[in-house]
Amino acid sequence: MRNLVLLAALYTIAFSGERKKEKTCGPNEEFRECGISCEPKCNEEIPLVCTANCMVNVCQCKEGFKRGPKGCVEPGPDCK
């Protein structure tokens, strides 16, 4: 019984740091635990290759915005 309690305590200590590590994101960005690997970018209309990989704990552009040199912007003149 003591071994079971010890094992439970060790498990709790080992995995207590596995909580969501949420970042502070910039304007027009949102935190995603599992983001897409082909985030829309200003310099490309449609990504040529998009894998199903999960980008873990990332800030990505909100829907309707694209990634540019100055962060996430609306498509248009600021998206260069």
N, C-alpha and C. Protein backbone atom coordinates (compact mmCIF):
# COMPACT_ATOMS: atom_id res chain seq x y z
N MET A 1 0.83 -1.20 0.00
CA MET A 1 0.00 0.00 0.00
C MET A 1 0.87 1.26 0.00
N ARG A 2 1.95 1.20 0.79
CA ARG A 2 2.83 2.36 0.85
C ARG A 2 3.47 2.62 -0.52
N ASN A 3 3.81 1.54 -1.24
CA ASN A 3 4.38 1.69 -2.57
C ASN A 3 3.39 2.36 -3.53
N LEU A 4 2.12 2.04 -3.39
CA LEU A 4 1.10 2.63 -4.24
C LEU A 4 0.97 4.13 -3.97
N VAL A 5 1.01 4.52 -2.71
CA VAL A 5 0.94 5.94 -2.35
C VAL A 5 2.17 6.67 -2.86
N LEU A 6 3.33 6.07 -2.72
CA LEU A 6 4.57 6.66 -3.21
C LEU A 6 4.53 6.81 -4.73
N LEU A 7 4.06 5.80 -5.41
CA LEU A 7 3.94 5.85 -6.87
C LEU A 7 2.98 6.96 -7.30
N ALA A 8 1.86 7.09 -6.62
CA ALA A 8 0.89 8.15 -6.94
C ALA A 8 1.50 9.52 -6.70
N ALA A 9 2.26 9.68 -5.64
CA ALA A 9 2.91 10.96 -5.34
C ALA A 9 3.94 11.31 -6.41
N LEU A 10 4.74 10.34 -6.81
CA LEU A 10 5.74 10.57 -7.86
C LEU A 10 5.08 10.92 -9.19
N TYR A 11 4.00 10.25 -9.52
CA TYR A 11 3.27 10.53 -10.75
C TYR A 11 2.74 11.96 -10.74
N THR A 12 2.18 12.38 -9.61
CA THR A 12 1.64 13.74 -9.48
C THR A 12 2.73 14.78 -9.65
N ILE A 13 3.88 14.56 -9.03
CA ILE A 13 4.99 15.49 -9.15
C ILE A 13 5.52 15.53 -10.58
N ALA A 14 5.67 14.38 -11.20
CA ALA A 14 6.23 14.30 -12.55
C ALA A 14 5.36 14.99 -13.58
N PHE A 15 4.04 14.89 -13.45
CA PHE A 15 3.16 15.43 -14.48
C PHE A 15 2.47 16.72 -14.08
N SER A 16 2.84 17.31 -12.95
CA SER A 16 2.21 18.57 -12.55
C SER A 16 2.64 19.71 -13.46
N GLY A 17 3.78 19.61 -14.11
CA GLY A 17 4.25 20.65 -15.02
C GLY A 17 3.70 20.50 -16.43
N GLU A 18 2.87 19.51 -16.69
CA GLU A 18 2.34 19.25 -18.02
C GLU A 18 1.08 20.06 -18.31
N ARG A 19 0.77 21.04 -17.52
CA ARG A 19 -0.40 21.86 -17.76
C ARG A 19 -0.20 22.71 -19.01
N LYS A 20 -1.28 23.22 -19.53
CA LYS A 20 -1.23 24.06 -20.73
C LYS A 20 -0.31 25.25 -20.49
N LYS A 21 0.64 25.45 -21.36
CA LYS A 21 1.59 26.55 -21.25
C LYS A 21 1.15 27.65 -22.20
N GLU A 22 0.12 28.36 -21.81
CA GLU A 22 -0.46 29.37 -22.68
C GLU A 22 0.46 30.58 -22.78
N LYS A 23 0.66 31.05 -24.00
CA LYS A 23 1.50 32.21 -24.27
C LYS A 23 0.63 33.45 -24.38
N THR A 24 1.26 34.59 -24.24
CA THR A 24 0.59 35.85 -24.53
C THR A 24 0.83 36.12 -26.01
N CYS A 25 -0.24 36.22 -26.76
CA CYS A 25 -0.14 36.40 -28.21
C CYS A 25 -0.27 37.87 -28.58
N GLY A 26 0.19 38.20 -29.78
CA GLY A 26 0.14 39.57 -30.28
C GLY A 26 -1.23 39.93 -30.82
N PRO A 27 -1.34 41.15 -31.36
CA PRO A 27 -2.60 41.59 -31.95
C PRO A 27 -3.03 40.67 -33.09
N ASN A 28 -4.29 40.38 -33.16
CA ASN A 28 -4.90 39.53 -34.20
C ASN A 28 -4.39 38.09 -34.18
N GLU A 29 -3.79 37.69 -33.06
CA GLU A 29 -3.33 36.31 -32.89
C GLU A 29 -4.13 35.65 -31.78
N GLU A 30 -4.12 34.31 -31.80
CA GLU A 30 -4.74 33.55 -30.72
C GLU A 30 -3.88 32.34 -30.42
N PHE A 31 -3.92 31.93 -29.16
CA PHE A 31 -3.14 30.77 -28.71
C PHE A 31 -3.85 29.49 -29.14
N ARG A 32 -3.08 28.55 -29.64
CA ARG A 32 -3.63 27.25 -30.03
C ARG A 32 -2.74 26.16 -29.45
N GLU A 33 -3.37 25.22 -28.78
CA GLU A 33 -2.62 24.07 -28.26
C GLU A 33 -2.13 23.19 -29.40
N CYS A 34 -2.91 23.14 -30.47
CA CYS A 34 -2.54 22.34 -31.64
C CYS A 34 -2.86 23.16 -32.89
N GLY A 35 -1.91 23.99 -33.31
CA GLY A 35 -2.13 24.86 -34.46
C GLY A 35 -1.84 24.15 -35.77
N ILE A 36 -2.25 24.79 -36.85
CA ILE A 36 -2.02 24.22 -38.19
C ILE A 36 -0.60 24.52 -38.66
N SER A 37 -0.06 23.66 -39.48
CA SER A 37 1.31 23.84 -39.95
C SER A 37 1.39 24.74 -41.18
N CYS A 38 0.25 25.09 -41.75
CA CYS A 38 0.26 25.93 -42.95
C CYS A 38 -0.58 27.18 -42.71
N GLU A 39 -0.14 28.00 -41.77
CA GLU A 39 -0.83 29.24 -41.46
C GLU A 39 -0.83 30.15 -42.70
N PRO A 40 -1.96 30.80 -43.01
CA PRO A 40 -2.00 31.70 -44.17
C PRO A 40 -0.97 32.82 -44.05
N LYS A 41 -0.24 33.06 -45.14
CA LYS A 41 0.80 34.09 -45.17
C LYS A 41 0.51 35.10 -46.26
N CYS A 42 0.97 36.31 -46.05
CA CYS A 42 0.74 37.39 -47.01
C CYS A 42 1.35 37.09 -48.38
N ASN A 43 2.51 36.45 -48.40
CA ASN A 43 3.23 36.27 -49.66
C ASN A 43 2.83 35.01 -50.43
N GLU A 44 1.79 34.31 -49.98
CA GLU A 44 1.33 33.15 -50.74
C GLU A 44 -0.18 33.01 -50.65
N GLU A 45 -0.80 32.77 -51.79
CA GLU A 45 -2.25 32.63 -51.85
C GLU A 45 -2.70 31.34 -51.17
N ILE A 46 -2.18 30.24 -51.65
CA ILE A 46 -2.53 28.93 -51.10
C ILE A 46 -1.22 28.19 -50.84
N PRO A 47 -1.04 27.65 -49.64
CA PRO A 47 0.20 26.91 -49.37
C PRO A 47 0.36 25.74 -50.34
N LEU A 48 1.56 25.56 -50.86
CA LEU A 48 1.82 24.47 -51.79
C LEU A 48 1.78 23.12 -51.07
N VAL A 49 2.31 23.09 -49.87
CA VAL A 49 2.33 21.86 -49.09
C VAL A 49 1.80 22.16 -47.70
N CYS A 50 0.84 21.37 -47.27
CA CYS A 50 0.29 21.54 -45.93
C CYS A 50 0.19 20.16 -45.29
N THR A 51 0.97 19.94 -44.25
CA THR A 51 0.93 18.65 -43.57
C THR A 51 -0.07 18.68 -42.43
N ALA A 52 -0.39 17.53 -41.93
CA ALA A 52 -1.34 17.42 -40.82
C ALA A 52 -0.64 17.51 -39.47
N ASN A 53 0.60 17.99 -39.47
CA ASN A 53 1.34 18.11 -38.21
C ASN A 53 0.68 19.10 -37.28
N CYS A 54 0.73 18.82 -36.02
CA CYS A 54 0.20 19.70 -34.98
C CYS A 54 1.33 20.59 -34.49
N MET A 55 1.16 21.89 -34.62
CA MET A 55 2.12 22.85 -34.08
C MET A 55 1.71 23.09 -32.63
N VAL A 56 2.50 22.60 -31.69
CA VAL A 56 2.12 22.58 -30.28
C VAL A 56 2.36 23.93 -29.61
N ASN A 57 1.32 24.41 -28.90
CA ASN A 57 1.38 25.64 -28.10
C ASN A 57 1.95 26.83 -28.87
N VAL A 58 1.24 27.27 -29.88
CA VAL A 58 1.69 28.38 -30.72
C VAL A 58 0.65 29.50 -30.77
N CYS A 59 1.14 30.69 -31.10
CA CYS A 59 0.25 31.81 -31.40
C CYS A 59 0.11 31.85 -32.92
N GLN A 60 -1.12 31.86 -33.40
CA GLN A 60 -1.36 31.92 -34.84
C GLN A 60 -2.40 32.99 -35.13
N CYS A 61 -2.44 33.41 -36.38
CA CYS A 61 -3.37 34.46 -36.79
C CYS A 61 -4.82 34.01 -36.60
N LYS A 62 -5.64 34.96 -36.15
CA LYS A 62 -7.07 34.69 -36.04
C LYS A 62 -7.64 34.52 -37.45
N GLU A 63 -8.81 33.91 -37.54
CA GLU A 63 -9.45 33.69 -38.83
C GLU A 63 -9.66 35.03 -39.53
N GLY A 64 -9.34 35.08 -40.82
CA GLY A 64 -9.49 36.30 -41.61
C GLY A 64 -8.23 37.14 -41.68
N PHE A 65 -7.17 36.74 -40.96
CA PHE A 65 -5.91 37.47 -40.96
C PHE A 65 -4.82 36.58 -41.55
N LYS A 66 -3.75 37.23 -42.05
CA LYS A 66 -2.62 36.50 -42.61
C LYS A 66 -1.33 36.95 -41.94
N ARG A 67 -0.35 36.04 -41.91
CA ARG A 67 0.94 36.33 -41.30
C ARG A 67 1.79 37.15 -42.27
N GLY A 68 2.26 38.30 -41.81
CA GLY A 68 3.15 39.15 -42.59
C GLY A 68 4.38 39.49 -41.76
N PRO A 69 5.29 40.31 -42.31
CA PRO A 69 6.51 40.66 -41.58
C PRO A 69 6.24 41.39 -40.26
N LYS A 70 5.11 42.07 -40.18
CA LYS A 70 4.78 42.84 -38.97
C LYS A 70 3.73 42.15 -38.12
N GLY A 71 3.55 40.85 -38.29
CA GLY A 71 2.57 40.11 -37.51
C GLY A 71 1.34 39.76 -38.33
N CYS A 72 0.21 39.57 -37.67
CA CYS A 72 -1.03 39.17 -38.33
C CYS A 72 -1.80 40.41 -38.77
N VAL A 73 -2.05 40.49 -40.06
CA VAL A 73 -2.75 41.65 -40.64
C VAL A 73 -3.88 41.17 -41.54
N GLU A 74 -4.80 42.10 -41.83
CA GLU A 74 -5.88 41.78 -42.76
C GLU A 74 -5.31 41.76 -44.17
N PRO A 75 -5.82 40.89 -45.03
CA PRO A 75 -5.38 40.89 -46.43
C PRO A 75 -5.64 42.26 -47.04
N GLY A 76 -4.69 42.78 -47.77
CA GLY A 76 -4.81 44.10 -48.38
C GLY A 76 -3.46 44.79 -48.43
N PRO A 77 -3.46 46.14 -48.41
CA PRO A 77 -2.20 46.89 -48.56
C PRO A 77 -1.17 46.61 -47.46
N ASP A 78 -1.63 46.31 -46.24
CA ASP A 78 -0.68 46.04 -45.15
C ASP A 78 -0.09 44.64 -45.22
N CYS A 79 -0.63 43.83 -46.10
CA CYS A 79 -0.20 42.43 -46.22
C CYS A 79 0.77 42.33 -47.39
N LYS A 80 2.05 42.55 -47.10
CA LYS A 80 3.07 42.53 -48.15
C LYS A 80 4.10 41.48 -47.87
